[in-house]
Every structure is written in C-alpha cells, then in structure tokens.
C-alpha cells in the first residue's frame, strides 16, 4: 500500500520543518500478536499463512471472542511472515527522537509497558538486532509535544514528551514505558511507530539510518473506554472517534496494529503491558 498523509485529522498542520518530507515507501511488514492476550488480534484479509491462536481476556472477553491473535513464532523458522501494508506516519512526527526507555516525562496517565519483537522477513524472520523502535503519541488531553494547542489545550511544551525510542537487543526486543494515549477529533486512540536500521546514536539521540517500517498501534475498544473515563483523560471534552469509525484503522490492513494487552492489576489505574511482533523487510 502506498504511503499517504493522515488527512483525516482535523488539526491544523505546522510548517514543513516539523514533518518528514519524503513520502512513505511501500514495504511489506509483519505485525503479529504477543504471547499473552487481553485484547484481541489481527484482521485476516490479505495475510500470508501463519498459525492462529484464540485470544482470551479476564477484563475484555467480548473483544477476545471477536478476534484472534496471529503469531509469527511457529512459522519463523520457515521464513513465512504475516504481512500487512504500511500506515501513514501522520502530520505530528519529529526527527531526532531521544533514545530512552521511558518517554513519559511528567505526563500523567495509565501506564503502558510496551514490548516489541522485531523480525526480518528477508532473513527467515530472524530477530533484527540494533534496530531503533521509535514511538510518539498524544497526551491524555490529545496534545502532541511540539504541536501543543492543536487540540485546544494550553500546557508546557518542550517538544519531547511522549516521544522516543530504543534499540532492539540480540533477540530483536525493545521495551518502552509510556502512558495510554488520549484522543482528539477525527481519530481513534492510537500510537505512531517507526522502525529504523543503521542509525547512529550519540548524545542521547539518533541520526541517519533507514526507516523500514512506519505504522500505527491501536487499543481494544472496551479497555480504551474504561481508560478514557478516568482522570486525567476525563478532562478532555473533545469528541472521540471510536475504533470502529476510524478510517485509518480500517484502511489497508491497519487493524493488524491492534496491541495485545495484559492488565498489571485489578484496577484500570494499575496499567497494562502491550506486546506486538513487528516484522520488516530490510531490503
């Protein structure tokens, strides 16, 4: 699927210096579920063969009954990956993300502990080490760092909150701590992701390299409803777009970015783990 800008968003866009100028290159990307599941899985259409296991949930059974999670593990040795299209990076990206495991800074919200496993489709789905997994998303009030005010709120903006990334280890894994995103007009709750190879890391940031994946991550609708009802999310009075009504989520296989979530405790405020296997074509 050819890349495209996130034109569905109704925020005014900043000058071009805030955005990546080059268009998205078409790439084939695997995105599979994790090993533990609260929220469900992946759209089946357009995927290559892979083993499928039912997701179950202790807090969102309706989502688990409706979906399933696809795992690349069983087919990795044969080099068979579940493939899906690229997803737009949107208008709120910034170059030079900080290299760090915790991107929250002072932002309040429900904790999310992400673990991604990156595999290389061009190397029999082997783990891809030293790849930079970068995330960015809005805060509980729907504001992006570097663009604060686009969702109607006034707050401090140093251009770095809820942005950053880490290099994958020898097992292809990268772990990042953040908060559950808020919402803004025209888009369902989501997180942006890029995977880079061959970056140069210095002074806590990166330069150079090649973007081998641009995607978006999504959250189970029932769990998201519970989170958005809590403080500080409840202070956001902007109309929220549901996952079912989000055109990006349902376009070109983007639903494959639905995260596998596991509750860290009995209360929403205890937070969640979120897992996903991301396979890229390095060629």
Protein backbone atom coordinates (compact mmCIF):
# COMPACT_ATOMS: atom_id res chain seq x y z
CA UNK A 1 0.00 0.00 0.00
CA UNK A 2 1.49 3.37 -0.95
CA UNK A 3 2.09 5.85 1.86
CA UNK A 4 -0.23 8.76 2.48
CA UNK A 5 -0.60 11.62 4.91
CA UNK A 6 -3.05 11.40 7.77
CA UNK A 7 -5.50 13.74 6.08
CA UNK A 8 -8.39 12.58 8.24
CA UNK A 9 -7.06 14.56 11.20
CA UNK A 10 -8.61 17.96 11.62
CA UNK A 11 -5.69 19.61 13.46
CA UNK A 12 -4.01 22.48 11.63
CA UNK A 13 -0.59 21.37 10.45
CA UNK A 14 2.65 23.09 11.48
CA UNK A 15 5.27 24.27 8.95
CA UNK A 16 7.05 21.61 6.96
CA UNK A 17 10.12 21.60 9.22
CA UNK A 18 8.10 19.63 11.77
CA UNK A 19 7.36 16.80 9.38
CA UNK A 20 9.32 14.27 7.39
CA UNK A 21 9.36 15.45 3.77
CA UNK A 22 9.82 12.17 1.97
CA UNK A 23 6.83 10.03 1.09
CA UNK A 24 6.39 6.61 2.56
CA UNK A 25 7.93 3.83 0.56
CA UNK A 26 5.82 0.73 0.09
CA UNK A 27 7.09 -2.02 2.32
CA UNK A 28 5.82 -5.37 3.46
CA UNK A 29 5.53 -5.62 7.22
CA UNK A 30 4.56 -8.37 9.59
CA UNK A 31 2.66 -7.40 12.70
CA UNK A 32 1.58 -10.23 14.95
CA UNK A 33 0.18 -10.65 18.43
CA UNK A 34 2.05 -11.34 21.63
CA UNK A 35 2.07 -14.42 23.80
CA UNK A 36 -0.42 -13.10 26.36
CA UNK A 37 -3.74 -11.58 25.47
CA UNK A 38 -6.39 -9.40 26.98
CA UNK A 39 -7.42 -7.65 23.80
CA UNK A 40 -7.69 -9.45 20.51
CA UNK A 41 -5.84 -9.60 17.31
CA UNK A 42 -5.45 -9.15 13.69
CA UNK A 43 -7.56 -8.79 10.59
CA UNK A 44 -7.32 -11.90 8.45
CA UNK A 45 -7.69 -10.44 4.96
CA UNK A 46 -4.51 -10.13 2.91
CA UNK A 47 -2.28 -12.01 5.35
CA UNK A 48 0.12 -14.78 4.46
CA UNK A 49 -0.25 -18.11 6.24
CA UNK A 50 0.57 -18.24 9.94
CA UNK A 51 -0.60 -20.19 12.99
CA UNK A 52 -3.51 -18.63 14.84
CA UNK A 53 -4.43 -18.97 18.50
CA UNK A 54 -7.51 -17.62 20.23
CA UNK A 55 -7.01 -14.62 22.49
CA UNK A 56 -8.66 -14.70 25.91
CA UNK A 57 -9.37 -11.92 28.35
CA UNK A 58 -10.08 -11.52 32.02
CA UNK A 59 -11.21 -7.93 31.58
CA UNK A 60 -12.46 -7.69 27.99
CA UNK A 61 -13.99 -11.01 27.00
CA UNK A 62 -16.13 -9.52 24.27
CA UNK A 63 -13.04 -8.34 22.40
CA UNK A 64 -11.34 -11.69 22.78
CA UNK A 65 -14.33 -13.61 21.49
CA UNK A 66 -14.46 -11.44 18.40
CA UNK A 67 -10.81 -11.60 17.42
CA UNK A 68 -7.72 -13.79 17.41
CA UNK A 69 -4.01 -13.24 17.66
CA UNK A 70 -1.55 -14.23 14.95
CA UNK A 71 1.92 -15.31 15.98
CA UNK A 72 4.99 -15.43 13.76
CA UNK A 73 6.89 -17.77 16.09
CA UNK A 74 5.65 -21.07 14.68
CA UNK A 75 6.42 -20.11 11.10
CA UNK A 76 9.58 -18.08 11.63
CA UNK A 77 11.94 -20.97 11.00
CA UNK A 78 10.43 -21.42 7.55
CA UNK A 79 10.65 -17.72 6.79
CA UNK A 80 6.87 -17.34 6.47
CA UNK A 81 5.69 -13.99 7.80
CA UNK A 82 2.28 -12.47 8.21
CA UNK A 83 2.34 -9.39 6.01
CA UNK A 84 0.42 -6.13 6.05
CA UNK A 85 0.65 -2.68 4.50
CA UNK A 86 2.38 0.43 5.79
CA UNK A 87 0.32 3.02 7.69
CA UNK A 88 0.66 6.79 7.40
CA UNK A 89 3.04 8.48 9.85
CA UNK A 90 0.67 11.44 10.19
CA UNK A 91 1.49 15.16 10.50
CA UNK A 92 2.96 15.13 14.03
CA UNK A 93 6.28 13.35 13.64
CA UNK A 94 9.60 14.95 14.56
CA UNK A 95 13.10 13.85 13.62
CA UNK A 96 15.84 13.15 16.15
CA UNK A 97 13.87 11.28 18.83
CA UNK A 98 15.53 10.79 22.21
CA UNK A 99 16.95 7.34 22.89
CA UNK A 100 15.28 6.32 26.16
CA UNK A 101 13.15 3.54 27.64
CA UNK A 102 10.71 5.83 29.48
CA UNK A 103 9.13 8.55 27.32
CA UNK A 104 6.56 9.84 29.84
CA UNK A 105 8.48 12.77 31.32
CA UNK A 106 5.92 14.46 33.62
CA UNK A 107 2.82 13.32 31.76
CA UNK A 108 0.12 11.67 33.86
CA UNK A 109 -1.94 8.75 32.65
CA UNK A 110 -2.41 5.00 32.76
CA UNK A 111 0.97 3.31 32.42
CA UNK A 112 1.62 1.11 29.38
CA UNK A 113 4.69 -1.12 29.27
CA UNK A 114 5.40 -1.94 25.61
CA UNK A 115 7.47 -4.88 24.41
CA UNK A 116 8.06 -5.22 20.69
CA UNK A 117 9.81 -8.06 18.90
CA UNK A 118 11.21 -7.04 15.52
CA UNK A 119 11.96 -9.75 12.94
CA UNK A 120 13.41 -9.56 9.46
CA UNK A 121 11.26 -11.08 6.72
CA UNK A 122 14.25 -11.13 4.40
CA UNK A 123 16.27 -13.27 6.82
CA UNK A 124 13.81 -16.10 7.52
CA UNK A 125 12.02 -13.91 10.08
CA UNK A 126 15.11 -13.88 12.30
CA UNK A 127 15.34 -11.39 15.16
CA UNK A 128 16.52 -7.98 13.99
CA UNK A 129 19.07 -6.55 16.43
CA UNK A 130 20.15 -2.91 16.74
CA UNK A 131 17.02 -1.56 15.08
CA UNK A 132 15.61 1.64 16.55
CA UNK A 133 11.95 1.30 17.57
CA UNK A 134 10.52 4.83 17.86
CA UNK A 135 7.13 5.80 19.32
CA UNK A 136 5.22 9.06 19.57
CA UNK A 137 1.66 9.85 20.62
CA UNK A 138 -0.57 12.49 22.21
CA UNK A 139 -1.08 13.02 25.93
CA UNK A 140 -4.29 12.49 27.91
CA UNK A 141 -5.73 15.74 26.55
CA UNK A 142 -4.95 14.88 22.94
CA UNK A 143 -1.91 17.16 22.57
CA UNK A 144 1.37 16.22 20.84
CA UNK A 145 4.67 17.65 22.04
CA UNK A 146 5.92 20.17 19.50
CA UNK A 147 2.32 20.93 18.50
CA UNK A 148 0.57 21.78 21.78
CA UNK A 149 -2.62 23.78 21.28
CA UNK A 150 -3.90 21.87 18.28
CA UNK A 151 -6.50 20.16 20.47
CA UNK A 152 -7.47 23.33 22.30
CA UNK A 153 -5.44 22.97 25.49
CA UNK A 154 -2.70 25.15 26.96
CA UNK A 155 0.23 23.39 28.59
CA UNK A 156 4.02 23.38 28.71
CA UNK A 157 5.60 22.08 25.52
CA UNK A 158 9.28 21.22 25.27
CA UNK A 159 8.84 19.16 22.13
CA UNK A 160 9.90 15.86 23.69
CA UNK A 161 7.17 14.43 25.94
CA UNK A 162 5.76 11.08 24.82
CA UNK A 163 8.41 10.71 22.13
CA UNK A 164 11.43 8.44 22.00
CA UNK A 165 12.75 5.01 21.25
CA UNK A 166 15.24 2.25 22.00
CA UNK A 167 17.44 -0.13 20.06
CA UNK A 168 16.42 -3.76 19.85
CA UNK A 169 18.59 -6.30 21.65
CA UNK A 170 20.05 -9.50 20.22
CA UNK A 171 16.60 -11.11 20.48
CA UNK A 172 15.02 -8.31 18.46
CA UNK A 173 13.17 -6.98 21.51
CA UNK A 174 12.63 -3.37 22.52
CA UNK A 175 10.82 -2.23 25.68
CA UNK A 176 9.38 1.26 26.15
CA UNK A 177 7.29 2.69 29.00
CA UNK A 178 4.67 5.35 28.28
CA UNK A 179 1.05 6.19 29.07
CA UNK A 180 -2.19 5.25 27.37
CA UNK A 181 -2.85 7.99 24.77
CA UNK A 182 -5.77 10.38 24.90
CA UNK A 183 -7.93 11.29 21.92
CA UNK A 184 -8.62 14.16 19.55
CA UNK A 185 -11.11 15.00 16.81
CA UNK A 186 -11.33 12.59 13.83
CA UNK A 187 -9.02 9.84 15.10
CA UNK A 188 -9.38 6.85 17.40
CA UNK A 189 -6.81 6.47 20.16
CA UNK A 190 -3.50 5.38 18.62
CA UNK A 191 0.31 5.42 18.85
CA UNK A 192 2.70 6.10 15.97
CA UNK A 193 5.69 3.87 15.33
CA UNK A 194 8.77 3.86 13.13
CA UNK A 195 11.48 1.21 12.90
CA UNK A 196 14.89 2.40 11.70
CA UNK A 197 18.02 0.44 10.79
CA UNK A 198 21.64 1.60 10.69
CA UNK A 199 21.12 4.68 12.86
CA UNK A 200 23.99 6.46 14.58
CA UNK A 201 23.33 7.06 18.29
CA UNK A 202 25.11 9.92 20.03
CA UNK A 203 24.28 12.36 22.84
CA UNK A 204 21.03 10.57 23.65
CA UNK A 205 19.52 10.84 20.17
CA UNK A 206 19.98 9.40 16.68
CA UNK A 207 20.96 10.48 13.19
CA UNK A 208 20.90 8.80 9.79
CA UNK A 209 19.65 5.32 9.12
CA UNK A 210 16.77 3.96 7.04
CA UNK A 211 13.11 3.76 8.01
CA UNK A 212 11.99 0.18 7.31
CA UNK A 213 8.55 0.43 8.91
CA UNK A 214 6.02 3.18 9.60
CA UNK A 215 2.85 2.13 11.37
CA UNK A 216 0.23 2.86 13.99
CA UNK A 217 -0.75 0.93 17.11
CA UNK A 218 -4.32 0.60 18.40
CA UNK A 219 -6.08 -0.36 21.63
CA UNK A 220 -9.01 -2.61 22.47
CA UNK A 221 -12.21 -0.54 22.36
CA UNK A 222 -13.65 -1.78 25.68
CA UNK A 223 -10.43 -1.21 27.61
CA UNK A 224 -9.98 2.19 26.00
CA UNK A 225 -13.47 3.24 27.07
CA UNK A 226 -12.60 2.37 30.66
CA UNK A 227 -9.33 4.30 30.50
CA UNK A 228 -10.82 7.41 28.89
CA UNK A 229 -13.39 7.59 31.70
CA UNK A 230 -10.64 8.05 34.31
CA UNK A 231 -8.70 11.19 35.25
CA UNK A 232 -6.89 12.96 33.57
CA UNK A 233 -8.47 11.61 30.36
CA UNK A 234 -11.95 12.63 31.51
CA UNK A 235 -10.83 16.28 31.44
CA UNK A 236 -10.61 16.02 27.65
CA UNK A 237 -14.00 17.19 26.35
CA UNK A 238 -13.07 16.78 22.67
CA UNK A 239 -15.33 14.41 20.74
CA UNK A 240 -13.77 10.95 20.49
CA UNK A 241 -13.76 8.79 17.37
CA UNK A 242 -14.32 5.11 18.09
CA UNK A 243 -12.10 2.38 16.73
CA UNK A 244 -14.97 1.14 14.57
CA UNK A 245 -15.30 4.58 12.95
CA UNK A 246 -11.59 5.29 12.47
CA UNK A 247 -10.80 5.30 8.75
CA UNK A 248 -7.06 4.78 9.24
CA UNK A 249 -7.60 1.72 11.45
CA UNK A 250 -9.84 0.04 8.90
CA UNK A 251 -7.84 1.04 5.83
CA UNK A 252 -5.42 -1.29 4.10
CA UNK A 253 -4.92 -3.75 6.96
CA UNK A 254 -4.04 -1.19 9.64
CA UNK A 255 -6.12 -3.24 12.11
CA UNK A 256 -3.10 -5.52 12.33
CA UNK A 257 -1.61 -2.93 14.66
CA UNK A 258 -4.06 -3.86 17.41
CA UNK A 259 -1.97 -4.40 20.54
CA UNK A 260 -2.13 -7.44 22.79
CA UNK A 261 -2.82 -6.08 26.27
CA UNK A 262 -2.48 -7.60 29.71
CA UNK A 263 -3.66 -5.89 32.91
CA UNK A 264 -0.98 -5.24 35.53
CA UNK A 265 -3.54 -5.29 38.33
CA UNK A 266 -7.22 -5.34 39.16
CA UNK A 267 -7.81 -1.64 38.51
CA UNK A 268 -7.51 0.34 35.29
CA UNK A 269 -5.10 2.70 37.04
CA UNK A 270 -2.66 -0.20 37.60
CA UNK A 271 -1.78 -0.10 33.92
CA UNK A 272 -1.13 -2.66 31.18
CA UNK A 273 1.56 -4.43 29.26
CA UNK A 274 1.32 -4.23 25.47
CA UNK A 275 3.05 -6.64 23.11
CA UNK A 276 3.41 -6.92 19.35
CA UNK A 277 5.68 -8.73 16.90
CA UNK A 278 6.74 -6.41 14.09
CA UNK A 279 8.34 -7.95 11.03
CA UNK A 280 10.05 -5.77 8.47
CA UNK A 281 11.56 -6.20 5.04
CA UNK A 282 15.05 -4.79 5.34
CA UNK A 283 15.57 -4.87 1.59
